Amino acid sequence: MTPQVDLQVLYLLATIVTLFGLAAMAGFGLHARRQAVGRAFAAVSAMSACWTASIVLLALSTPAAGPFWLNVKYAFISFTPVTVAWFALEFTGWMPRRRAWLLAAISVVPALRLAILWTDASRGWLLRETVFERTGTLTHLAQVTYGPLHPYAIGYNYLLIIGSIVMVLMWAARTGPLARPQGLALAGAAIAPVVANTMALLGAAPPAIDPMPLALAVTGGLIGWTVLRHRMLELTPIARDILLDAIEDGMLATDAHGRVIDMNRTMSGLLGVPVADALGRPASALFAAVGGEAAGLAADQSAPFVTLQARHFAVRSVPLDAGHGVPAGSLLLLHDLTARVRMEDERELLITELRHALAQVRTLSGMLPVCASCKCIRDGEGSWRPADEYLRDNSDATVSHGMCPDCTQRLYPAAYREAQRAD
């Protein structure tokens, strides 16, 4: 066996190992399918596995069957970038709510490419001429003449892949330390197929050797390392700005010279200045522009409370240390106490009303001037009023009229005796 055949055998074995590895990753993604990123991960892995399988089948087929397997291969080449973009959008959290509409929109071009390819035997819009040869044990595409639409189809694939790489890198730059290794690994995983495809288009690969399976092996290795090392499908980091903007408290960070280096959306709203416009400006100038108690806060951040825009805040200033006791700036936190202050005001009002009501009740427990004859009561203005009327106006009691047995016997003796006999 010649060294060339040995190289082909090793290449074929490596491609088959890559195929099984990608299939295993697809199964792992299906296991996490309850998460949107898990489904997207399974789609990327499955599409890459099918792409690798088509390469193996093309290499093991006869030159006569080469055009068929080439069309199958191009089907997976067309839709793999779509799944990569899907995964990037889900992983970064930038997928819009109308997920199905977006995926359908970015799948239009690959679908048209596939339809043209399978009906393009006479027109040659994508592939004008293909020649397959068998070198050693493998069948490969020896010569190809591309049609006028091929550069646009390839350019669209590159656009999706490069856009996904940029998206992941931007997300990693805006997120905490947990995200940076993940972002770099995912970017490298997406770059590897781009490099391999470019080598194939430029004819820089060895004869009968398609570099794409090796690139997909690199991709699978990087993604597998990210999944196992950083638990990618379990721990998805949240971008720093999302965390800060989700906090209702105002946060403003300054450097050692008192210049603003960062703040969240709440503080931006309180100061009335966009975050981008506030960066680099002295914090004292921003607070002074607001006026009122905020102007005093600019000079003295040790004040315990401050009122901004009719809202009450507790003030806390935390020094930032660059290490070895060197001050790096400070972090100003404004905790919103408006709801608590409102509750305390309502409680004080309720206590005042209860005390006033209790004071009115106590006026009836003091000495009341009562007429010895008619039993009228003299009020605070000196007027004599019937007892039932006085009680009604000066208490919550409801007065009803009846007649006691003694008065009944004295005023209505016959009726009293009749009632006694009835009893």
Protein backbone atom coordinates (compact mmCIF):
# COMPACT_ATOMS: atom_id res chain seq x y z
CA MET A 1 0.00 0.00 0.00
CA THR A 2 1.39 3.36 -1.01
CA PRO A 3 1.80 6.26 1.46
CA GLN A 4 -0.94 8.12 -0.44
CA VAL A 5 -3.43 5.32 0.23
CA ASP A 6 -2.38 5.23 3.87
CA LEU A 7 -3.10 8.95 4.11
CA GLN A 8 -6.51 8.41 2.52
CA VAL A 9 -7.34 5.64 4.97
CA LEU A 10 -6.35 7.80 7.91
CA TYR A 11 -8.40 10.65 6.47
CA LEU A 12 -11.42 8.37 6.06
CA LEU A 13 -11.10 7.04 9.61
CA ALA A 14 -10.79 10.57 11.01
CA THR A 15 -13.87 11.61 9.04
CA ILE A 16 -15.90 8.68 10.40
CA VAL A 17 -14.78 9.47 13.96
CA THR A 18 -15.84 13.09 13.39
CA LEU A 19 -19.21 11.87 12.12
CA PHE A 20 -19.88 9.86 15.28
CA GLY A 21 -18.67 12.71 17.48
CA LEU A 22 -21.02 15.18 15.83
CA ALA A 23 -23.89 12.69 16.09
CA ALA A 24 -23.18 12.32 19.82
CA MET A 25 -23.23 16.10 20.21
CA ALA A 26 -26.59 16.22 18.41
CA GLY A 27 -27.93 13.67 20.88
CA PHE A 28 -26.60 15.72 23.77
CA GLY A 29 -28.38 18.77 22.37
CA LEU A 30 -31.64 16.83 22.10
CA HIS A 31 -31.23 15.88 25.75
CA ALA A 32 -31.31 19.62 26.54
CA ARG A 33 -34.09 20.37 24.05
CA ARG A 34 -36.26 22.07 26.68
CA GLN A 35 -33.96 25.05 26.28
CA ALA A 36 -34.07 26.96 23.00
CA VAL A 37 -30.27 26.98 22.86
CA GLY A 38 -30.28 23.19 23.31
CA ARG A 39 -32.51 22.72 20.27
CA ALA A 40 -30.34 25.05 18.20
CA PHE A 41 -27.21 23.21 19.35
CA ALA A 42 -28.77 19.90 18.31
CA ALA A 43 -29.64 21.35 14.90
CA VAL A 44 -26.08 22.60 14.29
CA SER A 45 -24.56 19.29 15.36
CA ALA A 46 -27.03 17.21 13.32
CA MET A 47 -26.54 19.32 10.19
CA SER A 48 -22.75 19.10 10.56
CA ALA A 49 -22.99 15.33 11.05
CA CYS A 50 -25.08 14.99 7.88
CA TRP A 51 -22.59 17.17 6.01
CA THR A 52 -19.76 14.88 7.15
CA ALA A 53 -21.77 11.77 6.22
CA SER A 54 -22.34 13.12 2.70
CA ILE A 55 -18.57 13.65 2.34
CA VAL A 56 -17.92 10.04 3.40
CA LEU A 57 -20.55 8.68 1.02
CA LEU A 58 -19.19 10.78 -1.85
CA ALA A 59 -15.66 9.53 -1.17
CA LEU A 60 -16.78 5.89 -1.10
CA SER A 61 -19.05 6.12 -4.16
CA THR A 62 -18.17 5.65 -7.81
CA PRO A 63 -17.38 8.62 -10.06
CA ALA A 64 -20.70 8.05 -11.83
CA ALA A 65 -22.61 8.57 -8.57
CA GLY A 66 -20.52 11.61 -7.68
CA PRO A 67 -22.99 14.27 -8.98
CA PHE A 68 -25.81 12.88 -6.83
CA TRP A 69 -23.79 12.87 -3.61
CA LEU A 70 -22.40 16.30 -4.46
CA ASN A 71 -25.96 17.66 -4.58
CA VAL A 72 -26.69 15.98 -1.24
CA LYS A 73 -23.56 17.54 0.21
CA TYR A 74 -24.54 20.99 -1.07
CA ALA A 75 -27.94 20.62 0.61
CA PHE A 76 -26.27 20.41 4.02
CA ILE A 77 -23.73 23.08 3.06
CA SER A 78 -26.65 25.41 2.32
CA PHE A 79 -28.52 24.93 5.60
CA THR A 80 -25.66 24.50 8.10
CA PRO A 81 -25.00 28.30 8.23
CA VAL A 82 -28.70 28.81 8.99
CA THR A 83 -28.44 26.56 12.04
CA VAL A 84 -25.23 28.32 13.09
CA ALA A 85 -27.00 31.69 12.99
CA TRP A 86 -29.92 30.18 14.91
CA PHE A 87 -27.58 28.89 17.61
CA ALA A 88 -25.73 32.22 17.85
CA LEU A 89 -29.00 34.15 18.27
CA GLU A 90 -30.30 31.76 20.93
CA PHE A 91 -27.03 31.58 22.84
CA THR A 92 -26.50 35.34 22.98
CA GLY A 93 -30.15 35.96 23.88
CA TRP A 94 -30.67 38.17 20.83
CA MET A 95 -33.26 35.96 19.16
CA PRO A 96 -36.43 38.02 18.54
CA ARG A 97 -39.82 36.80 19.70
CA ARG A 98 -40.90 35.87 16.18
CA ARG A 99 -38.34 33.07 16.04
CA ALA A 100 -40.10 31.03 13.36
CA TRP A 101 -40.45 34.02 11.04
CA LEU A 102 -36.76 34.87 11.30
CA LEU A 103 -35.61 31.29 10.70
CA ALA A 104 -37.93 31.03 7.72
CA ALA A 105 -36.58 34.30 6.31
CA ILE A 106 -32.92 33.32 6.51
CA SER A 107 -33.75 29.89 5.03
CA VAL A 108 -35.20 31.34 1.82
CA VAL A 109 -31.85 31.70 0.03
CA PRO A 110 -30.62 28.17 0.93
CA ALA A 111 -33.97 26.72 -0.16
CA LEU A 112 -33.77 28.52 -3.52
CA ARG A 113 -30.17 27.39 -3.91
CA LEU A 114 -31.17 23.79 -3.28
CA ALA A 115 -34.11 23.98 -5.70
CA ILE A 116 -31.90 25.45 -8.43
CA LEU A 117 -29.17 22.89 -7.81
CA TRP A 118 -31.46 19.88 -8.18
CA THR A 119 -33.09 21.27 -11.34
CA ASP A 120 -29.98 22.90 -12.82
CA ALA A 121 -28.63 20.13 -15.03
CA SER A 122 -29.18 22.05 -18.27
CA ARG A 123 -28.95 25.71 -17.19
CA GLY A 124 -25.80 25.57 -15.09
CA TRP A 125 -26.68 28.52 -12.85
CA LEU A 126 -24.74 27.08 -9.91
CA LEU A 127 -22.55 24.32 -11.38
CA ARG A 128 -21.77 24.30 -15.10
CA GLU A 129 -19.52 21.26 -15.22
CA THR A 130 -18.26 18.71 -12.70
CA VAL A 131 -15.69 15.95 -13.27
CA PHE A 132 -15.19 13.18 -10.70
CA GLU A 133 -12.17 10.93 -10.51
CA ARG A 134 -11.04 8.11 -8.27
CA THR A 135 -7.63 8.54 -6.69
CA GLY A 136 -6.52 5.57 -4.67
CA THR A 137 -9.55 4.41 -2.72
CA LEU A 138 -11.50 7.68 -2.73
CA THR A 139 -13.71 9.44 -5.26
CA HIS A 140 -13.31 13.20 -5.38
CA LEU A 141 -14.30 16.23 -7.40
CA ALA A 142 -11.39 16.67 -9.80
CA GLN A 143 -12.68 19.61 -11.82
CA VAL A 144 -15.58 22.03 -11.43
CA THR A 145 -16.84 25.05 -13.33
CA TYR A 146 -19.13 27.26 -11.27
CA GLY A 147 -22.19 29.06 -12.61
CA PRO A 148 -23.01 32.78 -12.25
CA LEU A 149 -25.10 32.33 -9.07
CA HIS A 150 -22.50 30.31 -7.15
CA PRO A 151 -20.57 33.32 -5.74
CA TYR A 152 -23.79 34.79 -4.36
CA ALA A 153 -24.76 31.50 -2.71
CA ILE A 154 -21.32 31.09 -1.14
CA GLY A 155 -21.31 34.76 -0.12
CA TYR A 156 -24.61 34.30 1.69
CA ASN A 157 -23.19 31.35 3.63
CA TYR A 158 -20.13 33.39 4.58
CA LEU A 159 -22.37 36.27 5.62
CA LEU A 160 -24.33 34.08 8.05
CA ILE A 161 -21.21 32.46 9.50
CA ILE A 162 -19.21 35.67 9.89
CA GLY A 163 -22.26 37.47 11.27
CA SER A 164 -22.65 34.72 13.87
CA ILE A 165 -18.97 34.99 14.81
CA VAL A 166 -19.23 38.76 15.25
CA MET A 167 -22.41 38.34 17.27
CA VAL A 168 -20.79 35.86 19.68
CA LEU A 169 -17.66 37.99 20.08
CA MET A 170 -19.72 41.12 20.79
CA TRP A 171 -21.77 39.19 23.34
CA ALA A 172 -18.62 37.83 25.02
CA ALA A 173 -17.12 41.32 25.24
CA ARG A 174 -20.23 42.63 27.02
CA THR A 175 -20.56 39.70 29.44
CA GLY A 176 -18.66 38.54 32.50
CA PRO A 177 -15.61 36.26 32.76
CA LEU A 178 -17.71 33.11 32.42
CA ALA A 179 -18.65 34.09 28.87
CA ARG A 180 -15.26 35.00 27.43
CA PRO A 181 -13.87 31.44 27.13
CA GLN A 182 -17.20 30.30 25.72
CA GLY A 183 -17.31 33.13 23.21
CA LEU A 184 -13.75 32.57 22.01
CA ALA A 185 -14.30 28.81 21.71
CA LEU A 186 -17.53 29.24 19.76
CA ALA A 187 -15.94 31.83 17.48
CA GLY A 188 -13.05 29.45 16.79
CA ALA A 189 -15.52 26.62 16.16
CA ALA A 190 -17.29 28.73 13.54
CA ILE A 191 -14.08 29.97 11.90
CA ALA A 192 -12.65 26.47 11.29
CA PRO A 193 -15.24 25.46 8.60
CA VAL A 194 -14.84 28.85 6.92
CA VAL A 195 -11.09 28.29 6.60
CA ALA A 196 -11.58 24.73 5.30
CA ASN A 197 -14.17 25.80 2.74
CA THR A 198 -11.91 28.60 1.54
CA MET A 199 -9.06 26.11 1.09
CA ALA A 200 -11.33 23.83 -0.94
CA LEU A 201 -12.52 26.68 -3.17
CA LEU A 202 -8.95 27.85 -3.80
CA GLY A 203 -7.69 24.31 -4.49
CA ALA A 204 -5.24 24.47 -1.59
CA ALA A 205 -6.23 21.06 -0.17
CA PRO A 206 -4.37 17.82 -1.01
CA PRO A 207 -5.83 15.73 -3.88
CA ALA A 208 -8.88 13.63 -2.96
CA ILE A 209 -8.86 15.15 0.53
CA ASP A 210 -11.76 17.38 1.58
CA PRO A 211 -10.54 19.46 4.54
CA MET A 212 -14.07 20.09 5.80
CA PRO A 213 -14.35 16.95 8.02
CA LEU A 214 -11.09 17.88 9.72
CA ALA A 215 -12.40 21.41 10.26
CA LEU A 216 -15.65 20.00 11.65
CA ALA A 217 -13.56 17.84 13.99
CA VAL A 218 -11.92 21.02 15.29
CA THR A 219 -15.36 22.59 15.59
CA GLY A 220 -16.72 19.61 17.48
CA GLY A 221 -13.71 19.55 19.78
CA LEU A 222 -14.02 23.22 20.68
CA ILE A 223 -17.76 23.00 21.24
CA GLY A 224 -17.38 19.77 23.21
CA TRP A 225 -14.75 21.40 25.42
CA THR A 226 -17.08 24.35 25.98
CA VAL A 227 -20.00 22.08 26.83
CA LEU A 228 -18.02 19.97 29.30
CA ARG A 229 -15.69 22.58 30.77
CA HIS A 230 -18.06 25.53 30.99
CA ARG A 231 -21.44 23.70 31.03
CA MET A 232 -22.55 25.73 28.04
CA LEU A 233 -26.06 24.29 27.82
CA GLU A 234 -26.62 24.61 31.58
CA LEU A 235 -24.98 27.93 32.49
CA THR A 236 -25.67 30.62 29.94
CA PRO A 237 -24.06 33.87 31.15
CA ILE A 238 -26.13 37.03 31.15
CA ALA A 239 -24.74 40.15 29.60
CA ARG A 240 -23.48 42.72 32.10
CA ASP A 241 -25.72 45.50 30.80
CA ILE A 242 -28.78 43.25 31.13
CA LEU A 243 -27.90 42.59 34.77
CA LEU A 244 -27.28 46.25 35.57
CA ASP A 245 -30.40 47.47 33.80
CA ALA A 246 -32.52 44.88 35.60
CA ILE A 247 -31.52 46.42 38.95
CA GLU A 248 -33.97 49.08 40.10
CA ASP A 249 -31.35 50.83 42.23
CA GLY A 250 -29.27 53.57 40.66
CA MET A 251 -25.61 52.63 40.15
CA LEU A 252 -22.81 54.98 39.09
CA ALA A 253 -19.09 54.16 39.01
CA THR A 254 -16.38 56.82 38.91
CA ASP A 255 -12.63 56.67 38.53
CA ALA A 256 -10.09 58.11 40.94
CA HIS A 257 -10.67 61.58 39.45
CA GLY A 258 -14.44 61.48 39.91
CA ARG A 259 -15.21 60.93 36.23
CA VAL A 260 -18.06 58.62 35.26
CA ILE A 261 -16.87 55.27 33.89
CA ASP A 262 -20.19 53.40 33.99
CA MET A 263 -23.78 53.63 35.17
CA ASN A 264 -27.01 51.73 34.70
CA ARG A 265 -30.28 52.77 33.10
CA THR A 266 -31.91 53.73 36.41
CA MET A 267 -29.20 56.25 37.23
CA SER A 268 -29.31 57.56 33.67
CA GLY A 269 -33.03 58.25 34.05
CA LEU A 270 -32.55 59.99 37.40
CA LEU A 271 -29.85 62.27 36.05
CA GLY A 272 -31.60 62.82 32.72
CA VAL A 273 -28.42 62.03 30.78
CA PRO A 274 -27.88 59.09 28.37
CA VAL A 275 -25.19 56.67 29.46
CA ALA A 276 -23.05 57.36 26.39
CA ASP A 277 -23.12 61.11 27.07
CA ALA A 278 -22.27 60.70 30.76
CA LEU A 279 -19.12 58.61 30.29
CA GLY A 280 -15.98 60.60 30.98
CA ARG A 281 -17.80 63.58 32.52
CA PRO A 282 -17.35 64.57 36.19
CA ALA A 283 -20.07 63.03 38.33
CA SER A 284 -20.30 66.25 40.35
CA ALA A 285 -21.28 68.18 37.22
CA LEU A 286 -24.06 65.71 36.44
CA PHE A 287 -25.52 65.93 39.95
CA ALA A 288 -25.15 69.71 40.04
CA ALA A 289 -27.11 69.99 36.78
CA VAL A 290 -30.05 68.18 38.39
CA GLY A 291 -30.15 70.71 41.24
CA GLY A 292 -31.88 70.40 44.60
CA GLU A 293 -30.57 67.76 46.96
CA ALA A 294 -28.66 66.16 44.08
CA ALA A 295 -26.36 69.19 43.96
CA GLY A 296 -25.47 68.57 47.59
CA LEU A 297 -24.88 64.91 46.82
CA ALA A 298 -22.26 65.93 44.28
CA ALA A 299 -20.22 67.60 47.00
CA ASP A 300 -20.86 65.09 49.79
CA GLN A 301 -21.72 61.48 48.99
CA SER A 302 -21.84 60.60 52.69
CA ALA A 303 -25.38 62.00 53.02
CA PRO A 304 -27.63 59.11 54.11
CA PHE A 305 -30.68 60.12 52.05
CA VAL A 306 -31.49 62.15 48.95
CA THR A 307 -34.66 63.03 47.02
CA LEU A 308 -34.56 62.97 43.21
CA GLN A 309 -37.57 63.48 40.95
CA ALA A 310 -40.00 63.13 43.88
CA ARG A 311 -38.43 59.79 44.80
CA HIS A 312 -36.57 59.04 48.02
CA PHE A 313 -33.26 57.17 47.98
CA ALA A 314 -30.82 55.82 50.53
CA VAL A 315 -27.26 56.72 49.55
CA ARG A 316 -24.30 54.38 49.81
CA SER A 317 -20.81 55.06 48.49
CA VAL A 318 -18.42 52.12 48.14
CA PRO A 319 -14.71 52.83 47.49
CA LEU A 320 -13.09 50.82 44.71
CA ASP A 321 -9.59 49.52 45.40
CA ALA A 322 -7.12 48.80 42.60
CA GLY A 323 -4.99 46.73 44.96
CA HIS A 324 -2.27 47.51 47.51
CA GLY A 325 -4.46 50.23 48.97
CA VAL A 326 -4.47 52.31 45.77
CA PRO A 327 -7.90 53.93 45.26
CA ALA A 328 -9.41 53.27 41.85
CA GLY A 329 -12.62 55.24 42.25
CA SER A 330 -15.97 54.72 43.90
CA LEU A 331 -19.33 53.10 43.32
CA LEU A 332 -22.40 55.17 44.21
CA LEU A 333 -25.59 53.23 44.97
CA LEU A 334 -29.02 54.84 45.30
CA HIS A 335 -31.55 52.47 46.86
CA ASP A 336 -35.15 53.50 46.17
CA LEU A 337 -37.08 54.03 49.42
CA THR A 338 -40.10 55.73 47.84
CA ALA A 339 -42.52 52.88 48.53
CA ARG A 340 -41.26 52.51 52.09
CA VAL A 341 -41.55 56.25 52.77
CA ARG A 342 -45.06 56.27 51.33
CA MET A 343 -46.07 53.38 53.59
CA GLU A 344 -44.62 55.15 56.63
CA ASP A 345 -46.51 58.35 55.73
CA GLU A 346 -49.75 56.40 55.37
CA ARG A 347 -49.13 54.72 58.71
CA GLU A 348 -48.53 58.07 60.44
CA LEU A 349 -51.73 59.44 58.90
CA LEU A 350 -53.68 56.42 60.12
CA ILE A 351 -52.24 56.77 63.62
CA THR A 352 -53.22 60.46 63.67
CA GLU A 353 -56.78 59.66 62.58
CA LEU A 354 -57.08 56.94 65.21
CA ARG A 355 -55.83 59.27 67.92
CA HIS A 356 -58.35 61.91 66.85
CA ALA A 357 -61.19 59.38 66.91
CA LEU A 358 -60.06 58.11 70.30
CA ALA A 359 -60.04 61.67 71.62
CA GLN A 360 -63.64 62.12 70.47
CA VAL A 361 -64.69 58.92 72.19
CA ARG A 362 -63.10 60.07 75.48
CA THR A 363 -65.22 63.26 75.58
CA LEU A 364 -68.21 61.04 76.40
CA SER A 365 -66.43 59.44 79.30
CA GLY A 366 -66.02 62.71 81.20
CA MET A 367 -68.61 64.60 83.30
CA LEU A 368 -71.86 65.31 81.41
CA PRO A 369 -74.33 67.96 82.67
CA VAL A 370 -77.74 66.19 82.77
CA CYS A 371 -81.05 67.84 83.66
CA ALA A 372 -82.47 66.28 86.83
CA SER A 373 -86.01 66.57 85.49
CA CYS A 374 -86.10 66.00 81.69
CA LYS A 375 -82.68 64.31 81.48
CA CYS A 376 -81.48 66.58 78.65
CA ILE A 377 -77.71 66.99 78.27
CA ARG A 378 -75.94 70.31 77.91
CA ASP A 379 -73.42 70.36 75.05
CA GLY A 380 -70.26 72.42 74.69
CA GLU A 381 -72.20 75.40 73.30
CA GLY A 382 -74.54 75.58 76.30
CA SER A 383 -77.60 74.15 74.56
CA TRP A 384 -79.72 71.50 76.25
CA ARG A 385 -80.34 68.58 73.95
CA PRO A 386 -82.27 65.34 74.38
CA ALA A 387 -80.07 62.49 75.52
CA ASP A 388 -80.73 60.35 72.45
CA GLU A 389 -79.86 63.21 70.10
CA TYR A 390 -76.68 64.02 72.01
CA LEU A 391 -75.51 60.39 71.97
CA ARG A 392 -76.24 60.10 68.27
CA ASP A 393 -74.18 63.20 67.36
CA ASN A 394 -71.25 62.61 69.70
CA SER A 395 -70.68 58.88 69.39
CA ASP A 396 -71.03 56.00 67.00
CA ALA A 397 -74.00 54.63 68.95
CA THR A 398 -77.40 54.19 67.27
CA VAL A 399 -80.34 55.15 69.49
CA SER A 400 -83.67 53.30 69.31
CA HIS A 401 -86.78 53.92 71.43
CA GLY A 402 -88.72 51.50 73.58
CA MET A 403 -90.43 51.44 77.03
CA CYS A 404 -89.28 49.79 80.22
CA PRO A 405 -91.72 47.70 82.36
CA ASP A 406 -92.00 50.34 85.15
CA CYS A 407 -93.01 53.09 82.71
CA THR A 408 -95.42 50.74 80.97
CA GLN A 409 -97.13 49.92 84.31
CA ARG A 410 -97.28 53.61 85.25
CA LEU A 411 -98.53 54.97 81.94
CA TYR A 412 -100.51 52.05 80.56
CA PRO A 413 -101.69 49.92 83.53
CA ALA A 414 -104.38 48.03 81.56
CA ALA A 415 -101.95 47.03 78.82
CA TYR A 416 -99.38 46.06 81.43
CA ARG A 417 -101.86 43.75 83.25
CA GLU A 418 -102.92 42.18 79.94
CA ALA A 419 -99.27 41.49 79.09
CA GLN A 420 -98.68 39.97 82.52
CA ARG A 421 -101.65 37.60 82.13
CA ALA A 422 -100.40 36.59 78.68
CA ASP A 423 -97.02 35.68 80.13
